[in-house]
Each structure stands twice: as structure tokens, then as C-alpha cells.
């Protein structure tokens, strides 16, 4: 009886490191890829700048100063000014926050919509599944930018409509995703 418990305890002890190794194998492979690490650093820097951007922006992004039109980069304006005298750095920092929030909201809407449609198709099956698949086939046949423009044309301009249009174009796989899955 004691040999049986010893064998089972050694078997579970041997299985534990294998699970732990498999769990962190993706991290080791990720760290070895210099382009992946570089992409992560760039993405993290973008997120940090988007979050703290409004606090470190030197000027208001909407304040116009016609005296300072089209100034080149200098100590006063690190990235220069535009044709209305607005600081380009301040506009980039505020714009990064808006861009990040729109893309995050669009991704969440696309994920929620896909999950709900997938659950409905799985629960009802048969003709409901086929109907959802045919509608998605039609939507996937349209180019993403054309679909987004059609949504904006139908709904009008505005931040919410841009999020909805972006969510509709996010629900389609990219060519990189297709090749990575094979």
C-alpha cells in the first residue's frame, strides 16, 4: 500500500513541473523574439502616454495662437505648431487618449457582440446558426473601411458612431491572423 502512494505522489510531483513549464513556455518564447518585445514596449509607452498625456501636455490642445502659426520644433514647442498655432505635442497627447479609448470601446463591443452571437448560434443551432453565419458571411465579404463608412453615413458623425463603426470593422479577422492560425 505504501509503494502505491509513493508511486502516485512521485507521479503527481513529476506532473507539476511539466504543467508549470508549459504554462510559462509562451513567456519564454515571447522574450526571445526581439520584435515582440519591441512591440510590447512601444504599445506600453503609447498606453502610458495616453493615460498621463493630459497631465504632462504643455499647452491646451485647442488653444489657438495665430502669432505662433506653423512654428518649427523649438524649446517652446517641442513638435512645433500647426496652421492655427496649436501645439502639436499637446494635440498628440490628448489625441492618444481619445484614440486609445475609442479602440478599447470598439474592441469590447466587438467581443461582446461576437460572444452573444456565438452563444445564440450554439444554443439554438440548426437554422439560427445558419442564419447568423450567412449574415456574418455577407458582412465579412464587405471591405472593413467600406462598412465603416456606410455606418458613419447612415448614423451620422459623432464619437459613439465612430466607436460603432470601428467595432464593426474589428469583428473581422486580419490576414495575419489567418496565416498565424494555420
N, C-alpha and C. Protein backbone atom coordinates (compact mmCIF):
# COMPACT_ATOMS: atom_id res chain seq x y z
N UNK A 1 0.82 -1.19 0.00
CA UNK A 1 0.00 0.00 0.00
C UNK A 1 0.86 1.25 0.00
N UNK A 2 1.97 1.19 0.74
CA UNK A 2 2.84 2.37 0.81
C UNK A 2 3.56 2.60 -0.51
N UNK A 3 3.86 1.52 -1.26
CA UNK A 3 4.50 1.71 -2.55
C UNK A 3 3.55 2.36 -3.55
N UNK A 4 2.26 2.06 -3.42
CA UNK A 4 1.29 2.66 -4.32
C UNK A 4 1.17 4.16 -4.06
N UNK A 5 1.14 4.57 -2.82
CA UNK A 5 1.06 6.00 -2.51
C UNK A 5 2.35 6.71 -2.89
N UNK A 6 3.49 6.01 -2.74
CA UNK A 6 4.75 6.64 -3.14
C UNK A 6 4.78 6.84 -4.65
N UNK A 7 4.29 5.84 -5.43
CA UNK A 7 4.28 5.98 -6.87
C UNK A 7 3.35 7.10 -7.32
N UNK A 8 2.17 7.20 -6.69
CA UNK A 8 1.23 8.25 -7.08
C UNK A 8 1.74 9.63 -6.67
N UNK A 9 2.43 9.71 -5.54
CA UNK A 9 2.96 11.01 -5.13
C UNK A 9 4.11 11.44 -6.04
N UNK A 10 4.93 10.50 -6.49
CA UNK A 10 6.01 10.87 -7.40
C UNK A 10 5.45 11.20 -8.78
N UNK A 11 4.38 10.55 -9.18
CA UNK A 11 3.76 10.84 -10.48
C UNK A 11 3.17 12.25 -10.46
N UNK A 12 2.50 12.62 -9.36
CA UNK A 12 1.93 13.96 -9.29
C UNK A 12 3.03 15.00 -9.14
N UNK A 13 4.12 14.66 -8.47
CA UNK A 13 5.24 15.60 -8.34
C UNK A 13 5.92 15.81 -9.69
N UNK A 14 5.99 14.76 -10.51
CA UNK A 14 6.59 14.90 -11.84
C UNK A 14 5.67 15.69 -12.77
N UNK A 15 4.37 15.55 -12.60
CA UNK A 15 3.42 16.24 -13.48
C UNK A 15 3.39 17.74 -13.17
N UNK A 16 3.60 18.10 -11.94
CA UNK A 16 3.53 19.51 -11.54
C UNK A 16 4.54 20.39 -12.28
N UNK A 17 5.83 20.03 -12.34
CA UNK A 17 6.76 20.88 -13.11
C UNK A 17 6.42 20.94 -14.59
N UNK A 18 5.90 19.85 -15.16
CA UNK A 18 5.55 19.86 -16.57
C UNK A 18 4.45 20.87 -16.84
N UNK A 19 3.46 20.94 -15.94
CA UNK A 19 2.39 21.91 -16.10
C UNK A 19 2.96 23.32 -15.94
N UNK A 20 3.81 23.52 -14.96
CA UNK A 20 4.40 24.83 -14.72
C UNK A 20 5.27 25.25 -15.91
N UNK A 21 6.01 24.32 -16.49
CA UNK A 21 6.85 24.64 -17.64
C UNK A 21 5.98 25.01 -18.84
N UNK A 22 4.92 24.24 -19.08
CA UNK A 22 4.04 24.53 -20.22
C UNK A 22 3.32 25.86 -20.03
N UNK A 23 3.02 26.20 -18.78
CA UNK A 23 2.29 27.43 -18.51
C UNK A 23 3.13 28.66 -18.86
N UNK A 24 4.42 28.62 -18.65
CA UNK A 24 5.27 29.78 -18.90
C UNK A 24 6.11 29.64 -20.15
N UNK A 25 5.83 28.62 -20.95
CA UNK A 25 6.57 28.43 -22.18
C UNK A 25 6.31 29.58 -23.15
N UNK A 26 5.08 30.09 -23.20
CA UNK A 26 4.78 31.20 -24.09
C UNK A 26 5.58 32.43 -23.70
N UNK A 27 5.83 32.64 -22.43
CA UNK A 27 6.57 33.82 -21.98
C UNK A 27 8.04 33.72 -22.40
N UNK A 28 8.60 32.53 -22.32
CA UNK A 28 9.99 32.34 -22.76
C UNK A 28 10.11 32.58 -24.25
N UNK A 29 9.18 32.04 -25.02
CA UNK A 29 9.21 32.25 -26.47
C UNK A 29 8.99 33.72 -26.82
N UNK A 30 8.14 34.39 -26.07
CA UNK A 30 7.88 35.81 -26.30
C UNK A 30 9.12 36.65 -26.03
N UNK A 31 9.81 36.36 -24.92
CA UNK A 31 11.00 37.13 -24.57
C UNK A 31 12.13 36.94 -25.57
N UNK A 32 12.21 35.79 -26.23
CA UNK A 32 13.26 35.55 -27.21
C UNK A 32 13.06 36.33 -28.49
N UNK A 33 11.83 36.70 -28.79
CA UNK A 33 11.54 37.43 -30.01
C UNK A 33 11.75 38.93 -29.78
N UNK A 34 12.77 39.48 -30.40
CA UNK A 34 13.08 40.90 -30.19
C UNK A 34 11.98 41.80 -30.74
N UNK A 35 11.39 41.42 -31.85
CA UNK A 35 10.32 42.26 -32.41
C UNK A 35 9.09 42.26 -31.52
N UNK A 36 8.78 41.13 -30.90
CA UNK A 36 7.63 41.08 -29.99
C UNK A 36 7.87 41.94 -28.76
N UNK A 37 9.07 41.87 -28.20
CA UNK A 37 9.39 42.69 -27.04
C UNK A 37 9.39 44.17 -27.41
N UNK A 38 9.92 44.50 -28.58
CA UNK A 38 9.93 45.88 -29.04
C UNK A 38 8.50 46.38 -29.23
N UNK A 39 7.64 45.56 -29.81
CA UNK A 39 6.24 45.92 -29.98
C UNK A 39 5.53 46.12 -28.66
N UNK A 40 5.84 45.28 -27.67
CA UNK A 40 5.26 45.43 -26.35
C UNK A 40 5.71 46.72 -25.69
N UNK A 41 6.98 47.07 -25.83
CA UNK A 41 7.49 48.31 -25.26
C UNK A 41 6.83 49.52 -25.91
N UNK A 42 6.69 49.51 -27.22
CA UNK A 42 6.05 50.62 -27.93
C UNK A 42 4.58 50.74 -27.51
N UNK A 43 3.89 49.60 -27.43
CA UNK A 43 2.48 49.63 -27.03
C UNK A 43 2.32 50.11 -25.59
N UNK A 44 3.19 49.65 -24.71
CA UNK A 44 3.12 50.10 -23.31
C UNK A 44 3.41 51.59 -23.20
N UNK A 45 4.39 52.07 -23.97
CA UNK A 45 4.69 53.51 -23.95
C UNK A 45 3.50 54.31 -24.46
N UNK A 46 2.84 53.82 -25.50
CA UNK A 46 1.65 54.51 -26.02
C UNK A 46 0.55 54.57 -24.97
N UNK A 47 0.31 53.46 -24.27
CA UNK A 47 -0.74 53.43 -23.25
C UNK A 47 -0.39 54.37 -22.10
N UNK A 48 0.86 54.35 -21.66
CA UNK A 48 1.27 55.24 -20.56
C UNK A 48 1.13 56.69 -20.97
N UNK A 49 1.58 57.03 -22.18
CA UNK A 49 1.45 58.41 -22.65
C UNK A 49 -0.01 58.82 -22.81
N UNK A 50 -0.85 57.89 -23.21
CA UNK A 50 -2.27 58.21 -23.35
C UNK A 50 -2.91 58.47 -21.99
N UNK A 51 -2.48 57.74 -20.98
CA UNK A 51 -3.06 57.91 -19.65
C UNK A 51 -2.56 59.20 -19.00
N UNK A 52 -1.25 59.44 -19.05
CA UNK A 52 -0.72 60.62 -18.36
C UNK A 52 -0.58 61.82 -19.27
N UNK A 53 -0.93 61.68 -20.55
CA UNK A 53 -0.77 62.76 -21.53
C UNK A 53 -1.39 64.08 -21.14
N UNK A 54 -2.65 64.10 -20.73
CA UNK A 54 -3.26 65.38 -20.37
C UNK A 54 -2.59 66.08 -19.19
N UNK A 55 -1.91 65.32 -18.34
CA UNK A 55 -1.24 65.92 -17.19
C UNK A 55 0.12 66.51 -17.54
N UNK A 56 0.74 65.98 -18.60
CA UNK A 56 2.07 66.48 -18.96
C UNK A 56 2.06 67.34 -20.21
N UNK A 57 0.88 67.52 -20.81
CA UNK A 57 0.79 68.35 -22.02
C UNK A 57 1.13 69.80 -21.66
N UNK A 58 2.03 70.42 -22.42
CA UNK A 58 2.47 71.77 -22.06
C UNK A 58 1.41 72.84 -22.31
N UNK A 59 0.51 72.63 -23.27
CA UNK A 59 -0.50 73.63 -23.62
C UNK A 59 -1.85 72.95 -23.81
N UNK A 60 -2.88 73.77 -23.95
CA UNK A 60 -4.19 73.25 -24.28
C UNK A 60 -4.18 72.81 -25.75
N UNK A 61 -4.81 71.68 -26.05
CA UNK A 61 -4.78 71.21 -27.44
C UNK A 61 -5.68 72.03 -28.37
N UNK A 62 -6.57 72.81 -27.83
CA UNK A 62 -7.50 73.57 -28.66
C UNK A 62 -7.20 75.06 -28.68
N UNK A 63 -6.28 75.52 -27.83
CA UNK A 63 -5.99 76.96 -27.77
C UNK A 63 -5.23 77.38 -29.02
N UNK A 64 -5.79 78.40 -29.68
CA UNK A 64 -5.17 78.90 -30.90
C UNK A 64 -4.34 80.14 -30.59
N UNK A 65 -3.24 80.25 -31.32
CA UNK A 65 -2.38 81.42 -31.21
C UNK A 65 -1.88 81.73 -32.62
N UNK A 66 -2.57 82.63 -33.29
CA UNK A 66 -2.23 82.92 -34.68
C UNK A 66 -0.85 83.54 -34.83
N UNK A 67 -0.30 84.05 -33.74
CA UNK A 67 1.07 84.60 -33.77
C UNK A 67 2.07 83.46 -33.94
N UNK A 68 1.74 82.29 -33.39
CA UNK A 68 2.65 81.14 -33.42
C UNK A 68 2.30 80.14 -34.52
N UNK A 69 1.75 80.60 -35.63
CA UNK A 69 1.39 79.69 -36.71
C UNK A 69 2.62 79.00 -37.31
N UNK A 70 2.49 77.70 -37.56
CA UNK A 70 3.50 76.90 -38.27
C UNK A 70 4.92 77.12 -37.76
N UNK A 71 5.06 77.13 -36.45
CA UNK A 71 6.39 77.26 -35.85
C UNK A 71 7.12 75.92 -35.97
N UNK A 72 8.40 75.95 -36.25
CA UNK A 72 9.16 74.69 -36.28
C UNK A 72 9.41 74.19 -34.85
N UNK A 73 9.83 72.97 -34.70
CA UNK A 73 10.15 72.48 -33.36
C UNK A 73 11.20 73.36 -32.68
N UNK A 74 10.94 73.66 -31.41
CA UNK A 74 11.84 74.52 -30.64
C UNK A 74 11.70 74.15 -29.17
N UNK A 75 12.37 74.90 -28.30
CA UNK A 75 12.25 74.64 -26.87
C UNK A 75 10.85 74.96 -26.37
N UNK A 76 10.21 75.97 -26.94
CA UNK A 76 8.87 76.34 -26.52
C UNK A 76 7.83 75.33 -27.03
N UNK A 77 7.93 74.94 -28.28
CA UNK A 77 7.03 73.97 -28.89
C UNK A 77 7.87 72.80 -29.39
N UNK A 78 7.88 71.71 -28.61
CA UNK A 78 8.79 70.60 -28.90
C UNK A 78 8.54 69.96 -30.27
N UNK A 79 7.30 69.92 -30.72
CA UNK A 79 6.99 69.37 -32.04
C UNK A 79 6.47 70.44 -32.99
N UNK A 80 6.56 71.67 -32.61
CA UNK A 80 6.10 72.77 -33.46
C UNK A 80 4.63 73.05 -33.26
N UNK A 81 4.09 73.89 -34.16
CA UNK A 81 2.67 74.23 -34.11
C UNK A 81 2.05 74.00 -35.48
N UNK A 82 0.72 73.94 -35.50
CA UNK A 82 0.01 73.75 -36.76
C UNK A 82 -0.39 75.10 -37.35
N UNK A 83 -1.24 75.07 -38.38
CA UNK A 83 -1.59 76.29 -39.10
C UNK A 83 -2.44 77.26 -38.27
N UNK A 84 -2.99 76.80 -37.15
CA UNK A 84 -3.75 77.68 -36.27
C UNK A 84 -2.98 78.03 -35.01
N UNK A 85 -1.72 77.66 -34.93
CA UNK A 85 -0.88 77.99 -33.79
C UNK A 85 -1.08 77.08 -32.59
N UNK A 86 -1.68 75.91 -32.78
CA UNK A 86 -1.88 74.97 -31.68
C UNK A 86 -0.66 74.07 -31.55
N UNK A 87 -0.30 73.76 -30.32
CA UNK A 87 0.87 72.93 -30.04
C UNK A 87 0.62 71.49 -30.50
N UNK A 88 1.48 70.99 -31.35
CA UNK A 88 1.31 69.64 -31.92
C UNK A 88 1.52 68.57 -30.85
N UNK A 89 2.47 68.75 -29.94
CA UNK A 89 2.70 67.76 -28.88
C UNK A 89 1.47 67.62 -27.99
N UNK A 90 0.89 68.72 -27.60
CA UNK A 90 -0.31 68.67 -26.76
C UNK A 90 -1.46 67.97 -27.49
N UNK A 91 -1.59 68.25 -28.76
CA UNK A 91 -2.65 67.62 -29.54
C UNK A 91 -2.41 66.11 -29.68
N UNK A 92 -1.15 65.70 -29.83
CA UNK A 92 -0.83 64.28 -29.91
C UNK A 92 -1.14 63.56 -28.59
N UNK A 93 -0.78 64.19 -27.47
CA UNK A 93 -1.00 63.56 -26.18
C UNK A 93 -2.49 63.41 -25.88
N UNK A 94 -3.28 64.43 -26.15
CA UNK A 94 -4.72 64.33 -25.95
C UNK A 94 -5.34 63.38 -26.96
N UNK A 95 -4.86 63.39 -28.18
CA UNK A 95 -5.39 62.50 -29.21
C UNK A 95 -5.10 61.04 -28.93
N UNK A 96 -3.97 60.76 -28.31
CA UNK A 96 -3.63 59.37 -27.95
C UNK A 96 -4.64 58.82 -26.96
N UNK A 97 -5.07 59.65 -26.02
CA UNK A 97 -6.05 59.20 -25.04
C UNK A 97 -7.39 58.91 -25.71
N UNK A 98 -7.80 59.78 -26.60
CA UNK A 98 -9.06 59.57 -27.31
C UNK A 98 -8.97 58.33 -28.21
N UNK A 99 -7.86 58.18 -28.89
CA UNK A 99 -7.68 57.03 -29.77
C UNK A 99 -7.69 55.72 -28.99
N UNK A 100 -7.03 55.70 -27.86
CA UNK A 100 -6.99 54.50 -27.03
C UNK A 100 -8.37 54.17 -26.49
N UNK A 101 -9.12 55.17 -26.05
CA UNK A 101 -10.46 54.90 -25.51
C UNK A 101 -11.42 54.42 -26.60
N UNK A 102 -11.34 54.98 -27.80
CA UNK A 102 -12.20 54.53 -28.90
C UNK A 102 -11.86 53.09 -29.28
N UNK A 103 -10.57 52.78 -29.39
CA UNK A 103 -10.20 51.41 -29.79
C UNK A 103 -10.55 50.40 -28.71
N UNK A 104 -10.41 50.77 -27.44
CA UNK A 104 -10.78 49.86 -26.36
C UNK A 104 -12.29 49.62 -26.34
N UNK A 105 -13.07 50.69 -26.50
CA UNK A 105 -14.53 50.54 -26.52
C UNK A 105 -14.97 49.72 -27.72
N UNK A 106 -14.37 49.96 -28.89
CA UNK A 106 -14.74 49.21 -30.09
C UNK A 106 -14.38 47.73 -29.94
N UNK A 107 -13.26 47.44 -29.34
CA UNK A 107 -12.86 46.05 -29.13
C UNK A 107 -13.81 45.35 -28.16
N UNK A 108 -14.21 46.05 -27.11
CA UNK A 108 -15.15 45.46 -26.15
C UNK A 108 -16.51 45.20 -26.78
N UNK A 109 -16.99 46.15 -27.59
CA UNK A 109 -18.27 45.96 -28.27
C UNK A 109 -18.19 44.78 -29.25
N UNK A 110 -17.10 44.69 -30.01
CA UNK A 110 -16.94 43.60 -30.96
C UNK A 110 -16.86 42.25 -30.24
N UNK A 111 -16.15 42.20 -29.13
CA UNK A 111 -16.03 40.95 -28.37
C UNK A 111 -17.37 40.55 -27.76
N UNK A 112 -18.10 41.51 -27.22
CA UNK A 112 -19.40 41.20 -26.62
C UNK A 112 -20.39 40.75 -27.68
N UNK A 113 -20.40 41.43 -28.82
CA UNK A 113 -21.31 41.05 -29.90
C UNK A 113 -20.98 39.66 -30.43
N UNK A 114 -19.71 39.38 -30.64
CA UNK A 114 -19.31 38.06 -31.12
C UNK A 114 -19.63 36.96 -30.13
N UNK A 115 -19.45 37.24 -28.85
CA UNK A 115 -19.76 36.25 -27.82
C UNK A 115 -21.26 35.98 -27.77
N UNK A 116 -22.06 37.03 -27.81
CA UNK A 116 -23.51 36.85 -27.77
C UNK A 116 -24.01 36.11 -29.00
N UNK A 117 -23.54 36.50 -30.19
CA UNK A 117 -23.98 35.81 -31.40
C UNK A 117 -23.52 34.35 -31.41
N UNK A 118 -22.31 34.10 -30.95
CA UNK A 118 -21.82 32.73 -30.87
C UNK A 118 -22.61 31.89 -29.89
N UNK A 119 -22.98 32.48 -28.75
CA UNK A 119 -23.78 31.75 -27.77
C UNK A 119 -25.18 31.45 -28.30
N UNK A 120 -25.77 32.43 -28.99
CA UNK A 120 -27.09 32.20 -29.59
C UNK A 120 -27.02 31.10 -30.64
N UNK A 121 -26.00 31.17 -31.49
CA UNK A 121 -25.85 30.15 -32.53
C UNK A 121 -25.62 28.77 -31.93
N UNK A 122 -24.84 28.70 -30.86
CA UNK A 122 -24.56 27.40 -30.24
C UNK A 122 -25.79 26.86 -29.50
N UNK A 123 -26.55 27.74 -28.87
CA UNK A 123 -27.71 27.29 -28.10
C UNK A 123 -28.84 26.80 -29.00
N UNK A 124 -29.20 27.58 -30.01
CA UNK A 124 -30.32 27.22 -30.88
C UNK A 124 -29.93 26.27 -32.00
N UNK A 125 -28.70 26.43 -32.51
CA UNK A 125 -28.23 25.53 -33.55
C UNK A 125 -29.02 25.64 -34.85
N UNK A 126 -28.91 24.62 -35.68
CA UNK A 126 -29.59 24.47 -36.96
C UNK A 126 -29.81 25.77 -37.72
N UNK A 127 -31.06 26.18 -37.93
CA UNK A 127 -31.34 27.30 -38.84
C UNK A 127 -30.90 28.63 -38.25
N UNK A 128 -30.91 28.80 -36.94
CA UNK A 128 -30.45 30.06 -36.34
C UNK A 128 -28.94 30.20 -36.55
N UNK A 129 -28.23 29.11 -36.36
CA UNK A 129 -26.78 29.11 -36.59
C UNK A 129 -26.48 29.43 -38.05
N UNK A 130 -27.22 28.81 -38.97
CA UNK A 130 -27.01 29.07 -40.40
C UNK A 130 -27.34 30.50 -40.77
N UNK A 131 -28.40 31.06 -40.18
CA UNK A 131 -28.78 32.44 -40.45
C UNK A 131 -27.70 33.41 -39.98
N UNK A 132 -27.21 33.20 -38.77
CA UNK A 132 -26.15 34.07 -38.23
C UNK A 132 -24.89 33.94 -39.09
N UNK A 133 -24.56 32.73 -39.49
CA UNK A 133 -23.37 32.52 -40.32
C UNK A 133 -23.50 33.20 -41.67
N UNK A 134 -24.67 33.14 -42.29
CA UNK A 134 -24.84 33.79 -43.60
C UNK A 134 -24.77 35.31 -43.47
N UNK A 135 -25.35 35.87 -42.42
CA UNK A 135 -25.26 37.32 -42.21
C UNK A 135 -23.81 37.72 -41.99
N UNK A 136 -23.07 36.94 -41.22
CA UNK A 136 -21.66 37.25 -40.98
C UNK A 136 -20.85 37.07 -42.26
N UNK A 137 -21.19 36.10 -43.09
CA UNK A 137 -20.50 35.93 -44.37
C UNK A 137 -20.68 37.16 -45.25
N UNK A 138 -21.90 37.71 -45.28
CA UNK A 138 -22.15 38.91 -46.06
C UNK A 138 -21.35 40.08 -45.51
N UNK A 139 -21.33 40.24 -44.18
CA UNK A 139 -20.57 41.34 -43.58
C UNK A 139 -19.07 41.19 -43.81
N UNK A 140 -18.58 39.96 -43.75
CA UNK A 140 -17.15 39.73 -43.97
C UNK A 140 -16.75 39.90 -45.42
N UNK A 141 -17.72 39.79 -46.33
CA UNK A 141 -17.42 39.97 -47.75
C UNK A 141 -17.18 41.44 -48.08
N UNK A 142 -17.73 42.34 -47.27
CA UNK A 142 -17.52 43.77 -47.50
C UNK A 142 -16.16 44.19 -46.93
N UNK A 143 -15.47 45.08 -47.62
CA UNK A 143 -14.23 45.62 -47.03
C UNK A 143 -14.55 46.39 -45.75
N UNK A 144 -13.67 46.27 -44.76
CA UNK A 144 -13.91 46.89 -43.46
C UNK A 144 -14.10 48.40 -43.52
N UNK A 145 -13.29 49.08 -44.34
CA UNK A 145 -13.39 50.53 -44.42
C UNK A 145 -14.70 50.94 -45.09
N UNK A 146 -15.16 50.16 -46.06
CA UNK A 146 -16.43 50.45 -46.73
C UNK A 146 -17.59 50.28 -45.77
N UNK A 147 -17.55 49.24 -44.97
CA UNK A 147 -18.59 49.02 -43.97
C UNK A 147 -18.60 50.14 -42.93
N UNK A 148 -17.42 50.55 -42.48
CA UNK A 148 -17.33 51.63 -41.50
C UNK A 148 -17.86 52.94 -42.09
N UNK A 149 -17.51 53.24 -43.34
CA UNK A 149 -18.02 54.45 -43.99
C UNK A 149 -19.54 54.41 -44.16
N UNK A 150 -20.08 53.24 -44.48
CA UNK A 150 -21.52 53.11 -44.63
C UNK A 150 -22.23 53.33 -43.28
N UNK A 151 -21.65 52.83 -42.22
CA UNK A 151 -22.24 53.02 -40.89
C UNK A 151 -22.20 54.48 -40.50
N UNK A 152 -21.08 55.15 -40.75
CA UNK A 152 -20.97 56.58 -40.44
C UNK A 152 -21.94 57.39 -41.29
N UNK A 153 -22.09 57.02 -42.56
CA UNK A 153 -23.02 57.73 -43.44
C UNK A 153 -24.46 57.54 -42.97
N UNK A 154 -24.79 56.35 -42.49
CA UNK A 154 -26.16 56.08 -42.05
C UNK A 154 -26.46 56.70 -40.68
N UNK A 155 -25.51 56.62 -39.76
CA UNK A 155 -25.75 57.09 -38.40
C UNK A 155 -25.38 58.55 -38.18
N UNK A 156 -24.48 59.06 -39.01
CA UNK A 156 -24.00 60.43 -38.83
C UNK A 156 -22.69 60.46 -38.08
N UNK A 157 -22.14 61.64 -37.91
CA UNK A 157 -20.86 61.77 -37.23
C UNK A 157 -21.06 61.79 -35.71
N UNK A 158 -19.98 61.61 -35.00
CA UNK A 158 -20.01 61.62 -33.54
C UNK A 158 -19.15 60.50 -33.00
N UNK A 159 -18.76 60.66 -31.76
CA UNK A 159 -17.84 59.70 -31.14
C UNK A 159 -18.47 58.31 -31.00
N UNK A 160 -19.72 58.25 -30.59
CA UNK A 160 -20.39 56.95 -30.43
C UNK A 160 -20.49 56.23 -31.78
N UNK A 161 -20.81 56.96 -32.83
CA UNK A 161 -20.93 56.35 -34.15
C UNK A 161 -19.57 55.87 -34.67
N UNK A 162 -18.51 56.58 -34.32
CA UNK A 162 -17.16 56.14 -34.70
C UNK A 162 -16.81 54.84 -33.97
N UNK A 163 -17.20 54.75 -32.70
CA UNK A 163 -16.95 53.52 -31.94
C UNK A 163 -17.72 52.35 -32.55
N UNK A 164 -18.98 52.58 -32.92
CA UNK A 164 -19.79 51.52 -33.53
C UNK A 164 -19.19 51.10 -34.88
N UNK A 165 -18.77 52.06 -35.68
CA UNK A 165 -18.17 51.74 -36.98
C UNK A 165 -16.85 50.99 -36.79
N UNK A 166 -16.07 51.39 -35.81
CA UNK A 166 -14.81 50.69 -35.53
C UNK A 166 -15.07 49.28 -35.02
N UNK A 167 -16.10 49.12 -34.21
CA UNK A 167 -16.43 47.79 -33.69
C UNK A 167 -16.85 46.87 -34.82
N UNK A 168 -17.54 47.40 -35.82
CA UNK A 168 -17.97 46.55 -36.93
C UNK A 168 -16.77 46.10 -37.77
N UNK A 169 -15.75 46.95 -37.87
CA UNK A 169 -14.58 46.54 -38.66
C UNK A 169 -13.61 45.70 -37.83
N UNK A 170 -13.72 45.70 -36.50
CA UNK A 170 -12.85 44.89 -35.65
C UNK A 170 -13.29 43.45 -35.59
N UNK A 171 -14.52 43.17 -35.95
CA UNK A 171 -15.03 41.81 -35.81
C UNK A 171 -14.60 40.92 -36.96
N UNK A 172 -13.74 41.38 -37.81
CA UNK A 172 -13.27 40.58 -38.94
C UNK A 172 -11.81 40.20 -38.71
N UNK A 173 -11.44 38.98 -39.05
CA UNK A 173 -10.05 38.57 -38.88
C UNK A 173 -9.14 39.26 -39.88
N UNK A 174 -7.95 39.54 -39.44
CA UNK A 174 -6.97 40.15 -40.34
C UNK A 174 -6.21 39.05 -41.07
N UNK A 175 -5.57 39.38 -42.20
CA UNK A 175 -4.80 38.35 -42.92
C UNK A 175 -3.69 37.75 -42.05
N UNK A 176 -3.10 38.52 -41.16
CA UNK A 176 -2.07 37.98 -40.27
C UNK A 176 -2.63 36.92 -39.34
N UNK A 177 -3.86 37.14 -38.90
CA UNK A 177 -4.50 36.16 -38.04
C UNK A 177 -4.75 34.87 -38.79
N UNK A 178 -5.14 34.98 -40.06
CA UNK A 178 -5.41 33.79 -40.84
C UNK A 178 -4.16 32.96 -41.07
N UNK A 179 -3.04 33.62 -41.34
CA UNK A 179 -1.81 32.87 -41.58
C UNK A 179 -1.23 32.32 -40.29
N UNK A 180 -1.45 33.00 -39.16
CA UNK A 180 -0.91 32.51 -37.88
C UNK A 180 -1.68 31.30 -37.40
N UNK A 181 -2.94 31.16 -37.78
CA UNK A 181 -3.76 30.05 -37.31
C UNK A 181 -3.43 28.76 -38.04
N UNK A 182 -2.79 28.83 -39.17
CA UNK A 182 -2.51 27.62 -39.94
C UNK A 182 -1.33 26.88 -39.45
